[in-house]
């Protein structure tokens, strides 16, 4: 199950890379809008999948507090 999810993440990441690369080329307005929409969809999909695989949000919630210089 984890291997499948990681493979999906890789696929979405590869698609994002490919779409960004294509957006750097000369495209018609229709092609550009299509790629931008697909890029947005891929980014949303990777975010959703990442939150299901890694449900913990790593942040500064439990970061150690630094003592102020005059507190000692």
Protein backbone atom coordinates (compact mmCIF):
# COMPACT_ATOMS: atom_id res chain seq x y z
CA UNK A 1 0.00 0.00 0.00
CA UNK A 2 2.74 2.45 0.92
CA UNK A 3 4.69 1.52 -2.21
CA UNK A 4 1.62 2.23 -4.34
CA UNK A 5 1.11 5.62 -2.71
CA UNK A 6 4.75 6.53 -3.11
CA UNK A 7 4.56 5.51 -6.78
CA UNK A 8 1.52 7.79 -7.17
CA UNK A 9 3.42 10.66 -5.56
CA UNK A 10 6.31 10.09 -7.97
CA UNK A 11 3.92 10.04 -10.92
CA UNK A 12 2.30 13.32 -9.86
CA UNK A 13 5.73 14.86 -9.27
CA UNK A 14 6.92 13.75 -12.70
CA UNK A 15 3.78 15.15 -14.33
CA UNK A 16 4.29 18.48 -12.55
CA UNK A 17 7.87 18.60 -13.77
CA UNK A 18 6.81 17.80 -17.33
CA UNK A 19 4.04 20.43 -17.34
CA UNK A 20 6.36 23.11 -15.95
CA UNK A 21 8.91 22.26 -18.61
CA UNK A 22 6.26 22.49 -21.34
CA UNK A 23 5.06 25.84 -20.00
CA UNK A 24 8.54 27.16 -20.75
CA UNK A 25 8.04 26.50 -24.45
CA UNK A 26 6.14 28.42 -27.10
CA UNK A 27 2.46 27.48 -26.79
CA UNK A 28 -0.88 28.74 -27.98
CA UNK A 29 -3.13 30.35 -25.35
CA UNK A 30 -5.38 27.28 -25.39
CA UNK A 31 -2.45 24.92 -24.81
CA UNK A 32 -1.08 27.13 -22.04
CA UNK A 33 -4.43 27.25 -20.23
CA UNK A 34 -4.78 23.48 -20.55
CA UNK A 35 -1.30 22.89 -19.07
CA UNK A 36 -1.90 25.40 -16.27
CA UNK A 37 -5.14 23.63 -15.37
CA UNK A 38 -3.46 20.21 -15.43
CA UNK A 39 -0.58 21.55 -13.34
CA UNK A 40 -3.05 22.85 -10.76
CA UNK A 41 -4.89 19.51 -10.72
CA UNK A 42 -1.63 17.59 -10.25
CA UNK A 43 -0.53 19.87 -7.41
CA UNK A 44 -3.89 19.43 -5.68
CA UNK A 45 -3.69 15.66 -6.13
CA UNK A 46 -0.17 15.49 -4.70
CA UNK A 47 -1.21 17.59 -1.68
CA UNK A 48 -4.22 15.37 -0.97
CA UNK A 49 -2.21 12.19 -1.36
CA UNK A 50 0.61 13.51 0.81
CA UNK A 51 -1.80 14.36 3.62
CA UNK A 52 -3.28 10.85 3.53
CA UNK A 53 0.16 9.22 3.54
CA UNK A 54 1.72 11.61 6.06
CA UNK A 55 -1.17 12.84 8.24
CA UNK A 56 1.08 14.55 10.80
CA UNK A 57 1.75 18.18 10.17
CA UNK A 58 5.34 19.00 10.99
CA UNK A 59 5.71 22.55 12.11
CA UNK A 60 6.90 24.74 14.90
CA UNK A 61 4.28 23.51 17.36
CA UNK A 62 6.81 21.61 19.49
CA UNK A 63 9.86 23.69 18.63
CA UNK A 64 12.07 24.38 21.64
CA UNK A 65 11.83 27.91 22.99
CA UNK A 66 15.03 29.93 22.88
CA UNK A 67 15.83 31.79 26.05
CA UNK A 68 16.25 35.51 25.69
CA UNK A 69 19.79 36.78 26.40
CA UNK A 70 18.79 38.61 29.60
CA UNK A 71 16.73 35.74 31.05
CA UNK A 72 19.62 33.86 32.66
